[in-house]
């Protein structure tokens, strides 16, 4: 009899502890929402205004106007991609935000805006500014969710959501990380279900597996309290397999090689890690993510092998007059559309 009573008390204590933990997590997420409110005026005004106008039933009117809209959107996308490729996340966000303001329900534009916003956290000033980093990521998450609402079968929208949630976890305490972990996994697995050969989704899922496999005892306990056996712990083997599949699909994408090298160092396979890091330093620049990972590769080469490898220097052309003109045209379009 006493054993049964003790067991039920233990079960009650576990349930109470789990409920208390969930309440604390919700408090933490409420704090994130407050930070989001404080920053979102500056971050999201253009997009919100565009969405409001869209819902109000205003239309572009003549075929001539529609052709101009198409041309401006095309120019904004080209400019956003150019800025992304030269690691200018601020200007990429500006271009994609203008495009979304004009065409608020375009999933590809929403995904591009979410990605560019999420990338901004790697700007040095934002990386060390916890409230701003979290607020930017919350907006990226909100935009990804909007893209999914418009088209639930868009793999890149689910990938962007998973990536932004994963980055939010970098600026979260252990409780919040546990709360976010299932959403990260679910989002990226849905992206892979929709697009099984998506190397970036494999990469994000590989990072998730690696981070879950590296959890300390206390955090593992939190995971069990929150999810019981419903969220399996990650494994290094699963992470390694995902990184290797990503490399096979996209050999020139250096982020896959650097993350695999980190895992190999962790599992004492330095020779292959060295090969991967040296090759990564020679691979092409893609965006701010590739250069962030390249800097990690440089630091690891110096730390483990005392090798000094310089970061490449790029001579990027300044914004062209046509890029400036397309942003001006976008502003004029939105002004005219909002006019009575």
C-alpha atoms as a PDB file:
ATOM      1  CA  UNK A   1       0.000   0.000   0.000  1.00  0.00           C
ATOM      2  CA  UNK A   2       2.708   2.478   1.030  1.00  0.00           C
ATOM      3  CA  UNK A   3       4.696   1.707  -2.158  1.00  0.00           C
ATOM      4  CA  UNK A   4       1.666   2.522  -4.299  1.00  0.00           C
ATOM      5  CA  UNK A   5       1.083   5.801  -2.411  1.00  0.00           C
ATOM      6  CA  UNK A   6       4.723   6.739  -2.829  1.00  0.00           C
ATOM      7  CA  UNK A   7       4.525   5.991  -6.574  1.00  0.00           C
ATOM      8  CA  UNK A   8       1.444   8.156  -7.030  1.00  0.00           C
ATOM      9  CA  UNK A   9       3.078  10.980  -5.046  1.00  0.00           C
ATOM     10  CA  UNK A  10       6.136  10.735  -7.297  1.00  0.00           C
ATOM     11  CA  UNK A  11       3.895  10.847 -10.362  1.00  0.00           C
ATOM     12  CA  UNK A  12       2.031  13.864  -8.940  1.00  0.00           C
ATOM     13  CA  UNK A  13       5.323  15.604  -8.213  1.00  0.00           C
ATOM     14  CA  UNK A  14       6.484  14.983 -11.790  1.00  0.00           C
ATOM     15  CA  UNK A  15       3.215  16.337 -13.178  1.00  0.00           C
ATOM     16  CA  UNK A  16       3.419  19.403 -10.923  1.00  0.00           C
ATOM     17  CA  UNK A  17       7.028  20.017 -11.929  1.00  0.00           C
ATOM     18  CA  UNK A  18       6.101  19.658 -15.599  1.00  0.00           C
ATOM     19  CA  UNK A  19       3.197  22.108 -15.233  1.00  0.00           C
ATOM     20  CA  UNK A  20       5.428  24.604 -13.411  1.00  0.00           C
ATOM     21  CA  UNK A  21       8.066  24.301 -16.128  1.00  0.00           C
ATOM     22  CA  UNK A  22       5.516  24.873 -18.892  1.00  0.00           C
ATOM     23  CA  UNK A  23       4.281  27.987 -17.064  1.00  0.00           C
ATOM     24  CA  UNK A  24       7.850  29.330 -16.850  1.00  0.00           C
ATOM     25  CA  UNK A  25       8.399  28.636 -20.551  1.00  0.00           C
ATOM     26  CA  UNK A  26       5.213  30.529 -21.397  1.00  0.00           C
ATOM     27  CA  UNK A  27       6.441  33.434 -19.256  1.00  0.00           C
ATOM     28  CA  UNK A  28       9.705  33.387 -21.203  1.00  0.00           C
ATOM     29  CA  UNK A  29       7.889  33.390 -24.526  1.00  0.00           C
ATOM     30  CA  UNK A  30       5.714  36.269 -23.304  1.00  0.00           C
ATOM     31  CA  UNK A  31       8.953  38.166 -22.665  1.00  0.00           C
ATOM     32  CA  UNK A  32      10.033  37.469 -26.240  1.00  0.00           C
ATOM     33  CA  UNK A  33       6.708  38.806 -27.511  1.00  0.00           C
ATOM     34  CA  UNK A  34       7.244  42.001 -25.490  1.00  0.00           C
ATOM     35  CA  UNK A  35      10.688  42.438 -27.076  1.00  0.00           C
ATOM     36  CA  UNK A  36       9.070  41.852 -30.469  1.00  0.00           C
ATOM     37  CA  UNK A  37       6.517  44.613 -29.808  1.00  0.00           C
ATOM     38  CA  UNK A  38       9.273  47.045 -28.862  1.00  0.00           C
ATOM     39  CA  UNK A  39      11.207  46.483 -32.089  1.00  0.00           C
ATOM     40  CA  UNK A  40       8.528  45.590 -34.623  1.00  0.00           C
ATOM     41  CA  UNK A  41       7.490  49.186 -35.364  1.00  0.00           C
ATOM     42  CA  UNK A  42      10.820  49.776 -37.068  1.00  0.00           C
ATOM     43  CA  UNK A  43      11.182  46.264 -38.462  1.00  0.00           C
ATOM     44  CA  UNK A  44       7.782  45.486 -39.970  1.00  0.00           C
ATOM     45  CA  UNK A  45       5.853  48.647 -40.837  1.00  0.00           C
ATOM     46  CA  UNK A  46       6.173  48.373 -44.624  1.00  0.00           C
ATOM     47  CA  UNK A  47       4.958  44.789 -44.781  1.00  0.00           C
ATOM     48  CA  UNK A  48       2.062  45.343 -42.382  1.00  0.00           C
ATOM     49  CA  UNK A  49       0.899  48.393 -44.343  1.00  0.00           C
ATOM     50  CA  UNK A  50       1.018  46.396 -47.573  1.00  0.00           C
ATOM     51  CA  UNK A  51      -1.025  43.581 -46.046  1.00  0.00           C
ATOM     52  CA  UNK A  52      -3.594  46.046 -44.716  1.00  0.00           C
ATOM     53  CA  UNK A  53      -4.002  47.584 -48.147  1.00  0.00           C
ATOM     54  CA  UNK A  54      -4.309  44.137 -49.710  1.00  0.00           C
ATOM     55  CA  UNK A  55      -7.125  43.212 -47.347  1.00  0.00           C
ATOM     56  CA  UNK A  56      -8.896  46.501 -47.998  1.00  0.00           C
ATOM     57  CA  UNK A  57      -9.609  45.359 -51.551  1.00  0.00           C
ATOM     58  CA  UNK A  58      -7.527  47.958 -53.433  1.00  0.00           C
ATOM     59  CA  UNK A  59      -6.359  46.790 -56.854  1.00  0.00           C
ATOM     60  CA  UNK A  60      -3.620  47.853 -59.252  1.00  0.00           C
ATOM     61  CA  UNK A  61      -6.164  48.572 -61.964  1.00  0.00           C
ATOM     62  CA  UNK A  62      -5.044  48.724 -65.599  1.00  0.00           C
ATOM     63  CA  UNK A  63      -2.924  46.143 -67.399  1.00  0.00           C
ATOM     64  CA  UNK A  64      -0.294  48.860 -67.776  1.00  0.00           C
ATOM     65  CA  UNK A  65      -0.131  49.186 -63.976  1.00  0.00           C
ATOM     66  CA  UNK A  66       0.006  45.394 -63.583  1.00  0.00           C
ATOM     67  CA  UNK A  67       2.937  45.232 -65.995  1.00  0.00           C
ATOM     68  CA  UNK A  68       4.719  47.947 -64.011  1.00  0.00           C
ATOM     69  CA  UNK A  69       4.082  46.023 -60.783  1.00  0.00           C
ATOM     70  CA  UNK A  70       5.512  42.867 -62.354  1.00  0.00           C
ATOM     71  CA  UNK A  71       8.617  44.744 -63.522  1.00  0.00           C
ATOM     72  CA  UNK A  72       9.158  46.410 -60.135  1.00  0.00           C
ATOM     73  CA  UNK A  73       8.748  43.099 -58.263  1.00  0.00           C
ATOM     74  CA  UNK A  74      11.219  41.462 -60.646  1.00  0.00           C
ATOM     75  CA  UNK A  75      13.713  44.284 -60.006  1.00  0.00           C
ATOM     76  CA  UNK A  76      13.258  44.096 -56.232  1.00  0.00           C
ATOM     77  CA  UNK A  77      13.815  40.335 -56.209  1.00  0.00           C
ATOM     78  CA  UNK A  78      16.956  40.725 -58.329  1.00  0.00           C
ATOM     79  CA  UNK A  79      18.243  43.421 -55.967  1.00  0.00           C
ATOM     80  CA  UNK A  80      17.359  41.390 -52.874  1.00  0.00           C
ATOM     81  CA  UNK A  81      19.233  38.359 -54.210  1.00  0.00           C
ATOM     82  CA  UNK A  82      22.233  40.517 -55.141  1.00  0.00           C
ATOM     83  CA  UNK A  83      22.360  41.998 -51.640  1.00  0.00           C
ATOM     84  CA  UNK A  84      21.996  38.539 -50.116  1.00  0.00           C
ATOM     85  CA  UNK A  85      24.928  37.262 -52.201  1.00  0.00           C
ATOM     86  CA  UNK A  86      27.226  40.080 -51.007  1.00  0.00           C
ATOM     87  CA  UNK A  87      26.218  39.651 -47.331  1.00  0.00           C
ATOM     88  CA  UNK A  88      24.242  42.908 -47.175  1.00  0.00           C
ATOM     89  CA  UNK A  89      21.288  41.612 -45.157  1.00  0.00           C
ATOM     90  CA  UNK A  90      19.986  45.093 -44.336  1.00  0.00           C
ATOM     91  CA  UNK A  91      19.580  46.014 -48.008  1.00  0.00           C
ATOM     92  CA  UNK A  92      18.204  42.532 -48.828  1.00  0.00           C
ATOM     93  CA  UNK A  93      15.515  43.003 -46.169  1.00  0.00           C
ATOM     94  CA  UNK A  94      14.723  46.457 -47.589  1.00  0.00           C
ATOM     95  CA  UNK A  95      14.221  45.060 -51.102  1.00  0.00           C
ATOM     96  CA  UNK A  96      12.177  42.023 -50.087  1.00  0.00           C
ATOM     97  CA  UNK A  97      10.089  44.050 -47.607  1.00  0.00           C
ATOM     98  CA  UNK A  98       9.164  46.460 -50.413  1.00  0.00           C
ATOM     99  CA  UNK A  99       8.229  43.508 -52.650  1.00  0.00           C
ATOM    100  CA  UNK A 100       6.047  41.969 -49.920  1.00  0.00           C
ATOM    101  CA  UNK A 101       4.363  45.327 -49.299  1.00  0.00           C
ATOM    102  CA  UNK A 102       3.343  45.346 -52.973  1.00  0.00           C
ATOM    103  CA  UNK A 103       2.406  41.659 -53.160  1.00  0.00           C
ATOM    104  CA  UNK A 104       1.661  40.499 -49.579  1.00  0.00           C
ATOM    105  CA  UNK A 105       0.459  36.969 -50.364  1.00  0.00           C
ATOM    106  CA  UNK A 106       3.343  35.868 -52.590  1.00  0.00           C
ATOM    107  CA  UNK A 107       4.876  32.877 -50.797  1.00  0.00           C
ATOM    108  CA  UNK A 108       8.266  33.133 -52.509  1.00  0.00           C
ATOM    109  CA  UNK A 109       8.579  36.795 -51.496  1.00  0.00           C
ATOM    110  CA  UNK A 110       7.545  36.019 -47.917  1.00  0.00           C
ATOM    111  CA  UNK A 111      10.137  33.228 -47.733  1.00  0.00           C
ATOM    112  CA  UNK A 112      12.860  35.501 -49.117  1.00  0.00           C
ATOM    113  CA  UNK A 113      11.990  38.194 -46.576  1.00  0.00           C
ATOM    114  CA  UNK A 114      11.970  35.706 -43.704  1.00  0.00           C
ATOM    115  CA  UNK A 115      15.350  34.305 -44.756  1.00  0.00           C
ATOM    116  CA  UNK A 116      16.938  37.763 -45.092  1.00  0.00           C
ATOM    117  CA  UNK A 117      15.584  38.855 -41.711  1.00  0.00           C
ATOM    118  CA  UNK A 118      16.821  35.673 -40.061  1.00  0.00           C
ATOM    119  CA  UNK A 119      20.277  36.231 -41.599  1.00  0.00           C
ATOM    120  CA  UNK A 120      20.503  39.673 -39.990  1.00  0.00           C
ATOM    121  CA  UNK A 121      21.281  38.094 -36.618  1.00  0.00           C
ATOM    122  CA  UNK A 122      24.804  37.386 -37.918  1.00  0.00           C
ATOM    123  CA  UNK A 123      25.543  41.101 -38.266  1.00  0.00           C
ATOM    124  CA  UNK A 124      28.134  41.796 -35.517  1.00  0.00           C
ATOM    125  CA  UNK A 125      26.090  44.546 -33.804  1.00  0.00           C
ATOM    126  CA  UNK A 126      22.929  42.410 -33.705  1.00  0.00           C
ATOM    127  CA  UNK A 127      24.718  39.176 -32.745  1.00  0.00           C
ATOM    128  CA  UNK A 128      25.602  40.731 -29.360  1.00  0.00           C
ATOM    129  CA  UNK A 129      22.246  42.506 -28.897  1.00  0.00           C
ATOM    130  CA  UNK A 130      20.025  39.798 -27.415  1.00  0.00           C
ATOM    131  CA  UNK A 131      16.670  41.675 -27.418  1.00  0.00           C
ATOM    132  CA  UNK A 132      17.131  42.868 -31.004  1.00  0.00           C
ATOM    133  CA  UNK A 133      18.267  39.458 -32.275  1.00  0.00           C
ATOM    134  CA  UNK A 134      15.262  37.776 -30.696  1.00  0.00           C
ATOM    135  CA  UNK A 135      12.844  40.401 -31.985  1.00  0.00           C
ATOM    136  CA  UNK A 136      14.156  40.059 -35.548  1.00  0.00           C
ATOM    137  CA  UNK A 137      13.849  36.270 -35.349  1.00  0.00           C
ATOM    138  CA  UNK A 138      10.307  36.528 -34.022  1.00  0.00           C
ATOM    139  CA  UNK A 139       9.394  38.601 -37.062  1.00  0.00           C
ATOM    140  CA  UNK A 140      11.069  36.038 -39.362  1.00  0.00           C
ATOM    141  CA  UNK A 141       9.027  33.304 -37.630  1.00  0.00           C
ATOM    142  CA  UNK A 142       5.819  35.317 -38.033  1.00  0.00           C
ATOM    143  CA  UNK A 143       6.484  35.822 -41.762  1.00  0.00           C
ATOM    144  CA  UNK A 144       7.306  32.124 -42.286  1.00  0.00           C
ATOM    145  CA  UNK A 145       4.043  31.187 -40.587  1.00  0.00           C
ATOM    146  CA  UNK A 146       2.204  33.579 -42.893  1.00  0.00           C
ATOM    147  CA  UNK A 147       3.842  31.925 -45.914  1.00  0.00           C
ATOM    148  CA  UNK A 148       2.755  28.499 -44.631  1.00  0.00           C
ATOM    149  CA  UNK A 149      -0.796  29.791 -44.106  1.00  0.00           C
ATOM    150  CA  UNK A 150      -0.865  30.945 -47.749  1.00  0.00           C
ATOM    151  CA  UNK A 151       0.620  27.671 -49.063  1.00  0.00           C
ATOM    152  CA  UNK A 152       1.038  24.792 -46.569  1.00  0.00           C
ATOM    153  CA  UNK A 153       2.838  22.655 -49.176  1.00  0.00           C
ATOM    154  CA  UNK A 154       5.690  25.126 -49.775  1.00  0.00           C
ATOM    155  CA  UNK A 155       8.805  23.309 -48.508  1.00  0.00           C
ATOM    156  CA  UNK A 156      10.973  26.445 -48.289  1.00  0.00           C
ATOM    157  CA  UNK A 157       8.419  28.124 -46.017  1.00  0.00           C
ATOM    158  CA  UNK A 158       8.650  25.240 -43.529  1.00  0.00           C
ATOM    159  CA  UNK A 159      12.458  25.280 -43.841  1.00  0.00           C
ATOM    160  CA  UNK A 160      12.607  29.029 -43.131  1.00  0.00           C
ATOM    161  CA  UNK A 161      10.408  28.521 -40.084  1.00  0.00           C
ATOM    162  CA  UNK A 162      12.631  25.724 -38.760  1.00  0.00           C
ATOM    163  CA  UNK A 163      15.812  27.719 -39.391  1.00  0.00           C
ATOM    164  CA  UNK A 164      14.453  30.839 -37.657  1.00  0.00           C
ATOM    165  CA  UNK A 165      13.259  28.762 -34.682  1.00  0.00           C
ATOM    166  CA  UNK A 166      16.684  27.107 -34.513  1.00  0.00           C
ATOM    167  CA  UNK A 167      18.372  30.494 -34.448  1.00  0.00           C
ATOM    168  CA  UNK A 168      15.950  31.761 -31.818  1.00  0.00           C
ATOM    169  CA  UNK A 169      17.121  28.861 -29.652  1.00  0.00           C
ATOM    170  CA  UNK A 170      20.664  30.334 -29.823  1.00  0.00           C
ATOM    171  CA  UNK A 171      19.368  33.353 -27.881  1.00  0.00           C
ATOM    172  CA  UNK A 172      17.190  31.333 -25.484  1.00  0.00           C
ATOM    173  CA  UNK A 173      17.761  29.765 -22.096  1.00  0.00           C
ATOM    174  CA  UNK A 174      17.477  26.013 -21.565  1.00  0.00           C
ATOM    175  CA  UNK A 175      13.734  26.088 -20.871  1.00  0.00           C
ATOM    176  CA  UNK A 176      12.994  27.959 -24.095  1.00  0.00           C
ATOM    177  CA  UNK A 177      15.286  25.690 -26.096  1.00  0.00           C
ATOM    178  CA  UNK A 178      13.346  22.683 -24.899  1.00  0.00           C
ATOM    179  CA  UNK A 179      10.056  24.390 -25.750  1.00  0.00           C
ATOM    180  CA  UNK A 180      11.322  25.220 -29.257  1.00  0.00           C
ATOM    181  CA  UNK A 181      12.923  21.849 -29.981  1.00  0.00           C
ATOM    182  CA  UNK A 182       9.811  19.995 -31.149  1.00  0.00           C
ATOM    183  CA  UNK A 183       8.725  22.858 -33.424  1.00  0.00           C
ATOM    184  CA  UNK A 184      12.184  22.979 -35.036  1.00  0.00           C
ATOM    185  CA  UNK A 185      12.133  19.232 -35.707  1.00  0.00           C
ATOM    186  CA  UNK A 186       8.534  19.213 -36.975  1.00  0.00           C
ATOM    187  CA  UNK A 187       9.122  22.166 -39.335  1.00  0.00           C
ATOM    188  CA  UNK A 188      12.266  20.772 -40.934  1.00  0.00           C
ATOM    189  CA  UNK A 189      10.886  17.236 -41.220  1.00  0.00           C
ATOM    190  CA  UNK A 190       7.828  18.679 -42.991  1.00  0.00           C
ATOM    191  CA  UNK A 191      10.150  20.551 -45.392  1.00  0.00           C
ATOM    192  CA  UNK A 192      11.917  17.250 -46.162  1.00  0.00           C
ATOM    193  CA  UNK A 193       8.617  15.404 -46.563  1.00  0.00           C
ATOM    194  CA  UNK A 194       7.618  17.975 -49.180  1.00  0.00           C
ATOM    195  CA  UNK A 195      11.080  18.141 -50.799  1.00  0.00           C
ATOM    196  CA  UNK A 196      13.159  15.038 -49.921  1.00  0.00           C
ATOM    197  CA  UNK A 197      16.285  16.341 -51.697  1.00  0.00           C
ATOM    198  CA  UNK A 198      16.408  19.720 -49.954  1.00  0.00           C
ATOM    199  CA  UNK A 199      20.028  19.907 -48.777  1.00  0.00           C
ATOM    200  CA  UNK A 200      19.421  22.937 -46.546  1.00  0.00           C
ATOM    201  CA  UNK A 201      16.608  21.149 -44.718  1.00  0.00           C
ATOM    202  CA  UNK A 202      18.970  18.203 -44.186  1.00  0.00           C
ATOM    203  CA  UNK A 203      21.553  20.639 -42.833  1.00  0.00           C
ATOM    204  CA  UNK A 204      19.140  22.218 -40.340  1.00  0.00           C
ATOM    205  CA  UNK A 205      17.878  18.792 -39.229  1.00  0.00           C
ATOM    206  CA  UNK A 206      21.509  17.654 -38.894  1.00  0.00           C
ATOM    207  CA  UNK A 207      22.260  20.622 -36.638  1.00  0.00           C
ATOM    208  CA  UNK A 208      19.160  19.820 -34.592  1.00  0.00           C
ATOM    209  CA  UNK A 209      20.295  16.195 -34.172  1.00  0.00           C
ATOM    210  CA  UNK A 210      23.821  17.307 -33.257  1.00  0.00           C
ATOM    211  CA  UNK A 211      22.601  19.827 -30.678  1.00  0.00           C
ATOM    212  CA  UNK A 212      20.121  17.378 -29.137  1.00  0.00           C
ATOM    213  CA  UNK A 213      22.845  14.720 -28.935  1.00  0.00           C
ATOM    214  CA  UNK A 214      25.078  17.237 -27.137  1.00  0.00           C
ATOM    215  CA  UNK A 215      22.527  18.197 -24.461  1.00  0.00           C
ATOM    216  CA  UNK A 216      23.703  18.101 -20.865  1.00  0.00           C
ATOM    217  CA  UNK A 217      22.030  15.945 -18.226  1.00  0.00           C
ATOM    218  CA  UNK A 218      19.882  18.802 -16.838  1.00  0.00           C
ATOM    219  CA  UNK A 219      18.496  19.749 -20.255  1.00  0.00           C
ATOM    220  CA  UNK A 220      17.799  16.101 -21.097  1.00  0.00           C
ATOM    221  CA  UNK A 221      15.773  15.936 -17.894  1.00  0.00           C
ATOM    222  CA  UNK A 222      13.821  19.035 -18.997  1.00  0.00           C
ATOM    223  CA  UNK A 223      13.103  17.379 -22.362  1.00  0.00           C
ATOM    224  CA  UNK A 224      11.753  14.260 -20.639  1.00  0.00           C
ATOM    225  CA  UNK A 225       9.607  16.372 -18.296  1.00  0.00           C
ATOM    226  CA  UNK A 226       8.153  18.379 -21.186  1.00  0.00           C
ATOM    227  CA  UNK A 227       7.651  15.601 -23.740  1.00  0.00           C
ATOM    228  CA  UNK A 228       8.132  12.253 -21.979  1.00  0.00           C
ATOM    229  CA  UNK A 229       9.249   9.782 -24.635  1.00  0.00           C
ATOM    230  CA  UNK A 230       7.525  11.773 -27.392  1.00  0.00           C
ATOM    231  CA  UNK A 231      10.727  13.558 -28.439  1.00  0.00           C
ATOM    232  CA  UNK A 232      13.600  11.151 -29.030  1.00  0.00           C
ATOM    233  CA  UNK A 233      17.100  12.406 -28.168  1.00  0.00           C
ATOM    234  CA  UNK A 234      19.303  13.245 -31.137  1.00  0.00           C
ATOM    235  CA  UNK A 235      22.276  11.113 -32.119  1.00  0.00           C
ATOM    236  CA  UNK A 236      25.669  11.989 -33.587  1.00  0.00           C
ATOM    237  CA  UNK A 237      25.220   9.195 -36.151  1.00  0.00           C
ATOM    238  CA  UNK A 238      21.965  10.709 -37.415  1.00  0.00           C
ATOM    239  CA  UNK A 239      23.537  14.191 -37.594  1.00  0.00           C
ATOM    240  CA  UNK A 240      26.566  12.870 -39.477  1.00  0.00           C
ATOM    241  CA  UNK A 241      24.382  11.030 -41.970  1.00  0.00           C
ATOM    242  CA  UNK A 242      22.348  14.163 -42.683  1.00  0.00           C
ATOM    243  CA  UNK A 243      25.442  16.354 -43.174  1.00  0.00           C
ATOM    244  CA  UNK A 244      26.980  13.778 -45.548  1.00  0.00           C
ATOM    245  CA  UNK A 245      23.754  13.549 -47.575  1.00  0.00           C
ATOM    246  CA  UNK A 246      23.643  17.367 -47.765  1.00  0.00           C
ATOM    247  CA  UNK A 247      27.249  17.452 -49.051  1.00  0.00           C
ATOM    248  CA  UNK A 248      26.453  14.802 -51.671  1.00  0.00           C
ATOM    249  CA  UNK A 249      23.526  16.905 -52.916  1.00  0.00           C
ATOM    250  CA  UNK A 250      25.350  20.265 -52.852  1.00  0.00           C
ATOM    251  CA  UNK A 251      29.136  19.748 -52.734  1.00  0.00           C
ATOM    252  CA  UNK A 252      29.965  23.446 -53.252  1.00  0.00           C
ATOM    253  CA  UNK A 253      27.929  24.605 -50.218  1.00  0.00           C
ATOM    254  CA  UNK A 254      30.582  25.141 -47.551  1.00  0.00           C
ATOM    255  CA  UNK A 255      28.236  25.273 -44.534  1.00  0.00           C
ATOM    256  CA  UNK A 256      27.637  21.505 -44.801  1.00  0.00           C
ATOM    257  CA  UNK A 257      31.350  20.719 -44.686  1.00  0.00           C
ATOM    258  CA  UNK A 258      32.092  23.011 -41.742  1.00  0.00           C
ATOM    259  CA  UNK A 259      29.283  21.579 -39.615  1.00  0.00           C
ATOM    260  CA  UNK A 260      30.377  18.026 -40.434  1.00  0.00           C
ATOM    261  CA  UNK A 261      33.969  18.981 -39.518  1.00  0.00           C
ATOM    262  CA  UNK A 262      32.775  20.256 -36.114  1.00  0.00           C
ATOM    263  CA  UNK A 263      31.044  16.934 -35.488  1.00  0.00           C
ATOM    264  CA  UNK A 264      34.141  14.978 -36.560  1.00  0.00           C
ATOM    265  CA  UNK A 265      36.299  17.016 -34.184  1.00  0.00           C
ATOM    266  CA  UNK A 266      33.837  16.258 -31.401  1.00  0.00           C
ATOM    267  CA  UNK A 267      34.125  12.533 -32.199  1.00  0.00           C
ATOM    268  CA  UNK A 268      37.958  12.612 -32.500  1.00  0.00           C
ATOM    269  CA  UNK A 269      38.292  12.240 -36.243  1.00  0.00           C
ATOM    270  CA  UNK A 270      40.655  15.116 -36.841  1.00  0.00           C
ATOM    271  CA  UNK A 271      42.201  14.017 -40.135  1.00  0.00           C
ATOM    272  CA  UNK A 272      38.930  14.153 -42.073  1.00  0.00           C
ATOM    273  CA  UNK A 273      37.873  17.318 -40.221  1.00  0.00           C
ATOM    274  CA  UNK A 274      41.091  19.034 -41.366  1.00  0.00           C
ATOM    275  CA  UNK A 275      40.421  18.029 -44.979  1.00  0.00           C
ATOM    276  CA  UNK A 276      36.877  19.403 -44.815  1.00  0.00           C
ATOM    277  CA  UNK A 277      37.918  22.702 -43.215  1.00  0.00           C
ATOM    278  CA  UNK A 278      40.739  23.336 -45.673  1.00  0.00           C
ATOM    279  CA  UNK A 279      38.402  22.685 -48.594  1.00  0.00           C
ATOM    280  CA  UNK A 280      35.663  24.860 -47.047  1.00  0.00           C
ATOM    281  CA  UNK A 281      38.030  27.845 -47.005  1.00  0.00           C
ATOM    282  CA  UNK A 282      38.275  27.624 -50.821  1.00  0.00           C
ATOM    283  CA  UNK A 283      34.565  27.238 -51.616  1.00  0.00           C
ATOM    284  CA  UNK A 284      32.515  30.109 -53.085  1.00  0.00           C
ATOM    285  CA  UNK A 285      30.716  32.731 -51.053  1.00  0.00           C
ATOM    286  CA  UNK A 286      26.965  32.255 -51.016  1.00  0.00           C
ATOM    287  CA  UNK A 287      25.599  34.654 -48.406  1.00  0.00           C
ATOM    288  CA  UNK A 288      26.236  35.796 -44.835  1.00  0.00           C
ATOM    289  CA  UNK A 289      25.780  32.212 -43.604  1.00  0.00           C
ATOM    290  CA  UNK A 290      28.660  30.906 -45.715  1.00  0.00           C
ATOM    291  CA  UNK A 291      30.983  33.645 -44.431  1.00  0.00           C
ATOM    292  CA  UNK A 292      29.941  33.073 -40.807  1.00  0.00           C
ATOM    293  CA  UNK A 293      30.783  29.373 -41.205  1.00  0.00           C
ATOM    294  CA  UNK A 294      33.992  30.186 -43.101  1.00  0.00           C
ATOM    295  CA  UNK A 295      35.114  32.274 -40.119  1.00  0.00           C
ATOM    296  CA  UNK A 296      34.403  29.255 -37.880  1.00  0.00           C
ATOM    297  CA  UNK A 297      36.541  27.111 -40.208  1.00  0.00           C
ATOM    298  CA  UNK A 298      39.397  29.625 -40.036  1.00  0.00           C
ATOM    299  CA  UNK A 299      39.216  29.693 -36.220  1.00  0.00           C
ATOM    300  CA  UNK A 300      39.159  25.889 -35.958  1.00  0.00           C
ATOM    301  CA  UNK A 301      42.187  25.550 -38.256  1.00  0.00           C
ATOM    302  CA  UNK A 302      44.090  27.971 -36.051  1.00  0.00           C
ATOM    303  CA  UNK A 303      42.945  26.400 -32.775  1.00  0.00           C
ATOM    304  CA  UNK A 304      43.545  22.724 -33.601  1.00  0.00           C
ATOM    305  CA  UNK A 305      46.337  22.834 -36.198  1.00  0.00           C
ATOM    306  CA  UNK A 306      47.936  26.295 -35.705  1.00  0.00           C
ATOM    307  CA  UNK A 307      47.214  27.006 -39.376  1.00  0.00           C
ATOM    308  CA  UNK A 308      46.693  30.626 -40.395  1.00  0.00           C
ATOM    309  CA  UNK A 309      44.310  30.879 -43.349  1.00  0.00           C
ATOM    310  CA  UNK A 310      43.141  34.323 -44.433  1.00  0.00           C
ATOM    311  CA  UNK A 311      39.506  35.068 -45.141  1.00  0.00           C
ATOM    312  CA  UNK A 312      38.927  35.976 -48.804  1.00  0.00           C
ATOM    313  CA  UNK A 313      38.478  39.651 -49.645  1.00  0.00           C
ATOM    314  CA  UNK A 314      35.755  40.576 -52.122  1.00  0.00           C
ATOM    315  CA  UNK A 315      35.498  43.712 -54.243  1.00  0.00           C
ATOM    316  CA  UNK A 316      31.727  44.149 -54.388  1.00  0.00           C
ATOM    317  CA  UNK A 317      30.282  46.787 -56.677  1.00  0.00           C
ATOM    318  CA  UNK A 318      28.128  49.439 -54.980  1.00  0.00           C
ATOM    319  CA  UNK A 319      24.382  49.532 -55.510  1.00  0.00           C
ATOM    320  CA  UNK A 320      23.664  50.425 -59.139  1.00  0.00           C
ATOM    321  CA  UNK A 321      21.481  53.321 -60.267  1.00  0.00           C
ATOM    322  CA  UNK A 322      18.920  50.806 -61.592  1.00  0.00           C
ATOM    323  CA  UNK A 323      18.684  49.244 -58.110  1.00  0.00           C
ATOM    324  CA  UNK A 324      18.102  52.650 -56.556  1.00  0.00           C
ATOM    325  CA  UNK A 325      15.499  53.408 -59.227  1.00  0.00           C
ATOM    326  CA  UNK A 326      13.520  50.195 -58.615  1.00  0.00           C
ATOM    327  CA  UNK A 327      13.300  50.956 -54.872  1.00  0.00           C
ATOM    328  CA  UNK A 328      12.059  54.458 -55.716  1.00  0.00           C
ATOM    329  CA  UNK A 329       9.471  53.019 -58.113  1.00  0.00           C
ATOM    330  CA  UNK A 330       8.269  50.607 -55.436  1.00  0.00           C
ATOM    331  CA  UNK A 331       7.762  53.525 -53.054  1.00  0.00           C
ATOM    332  CA  UNK A 332       5.788  55.422 -55.717  1.00  0.00           C
ATOM    333  CA  UNK A 333       3.604  52.388 -56.437  1.00  0.00           C
ATOM    334  CA  UNK A 334       2.724  51.944 -52.765  1.00  0.00           C
ATOM    335  CA  UNK A 335       2.019  55.667 -52.383  1.00  0.00           C
ATOM    336  CA  UNK A 336      -0.311  55.670 -55.398  1.00  0.00           C
ATOM    337  CA  UNK A 337      -2.020  52.474 -54.333  1.00  0.00           C
ATOM    338  CA  UNK A 338      -2.760  53.925 -50.920  1.00  0.00           C
ATOM    339  CA  UNK A 339      -4.080  57.186 -52.328  1.00  0.00           C
ATOM    340  CA  UNK A 340      -7.832  57.739 -52.114  1.00  0.00           C
END
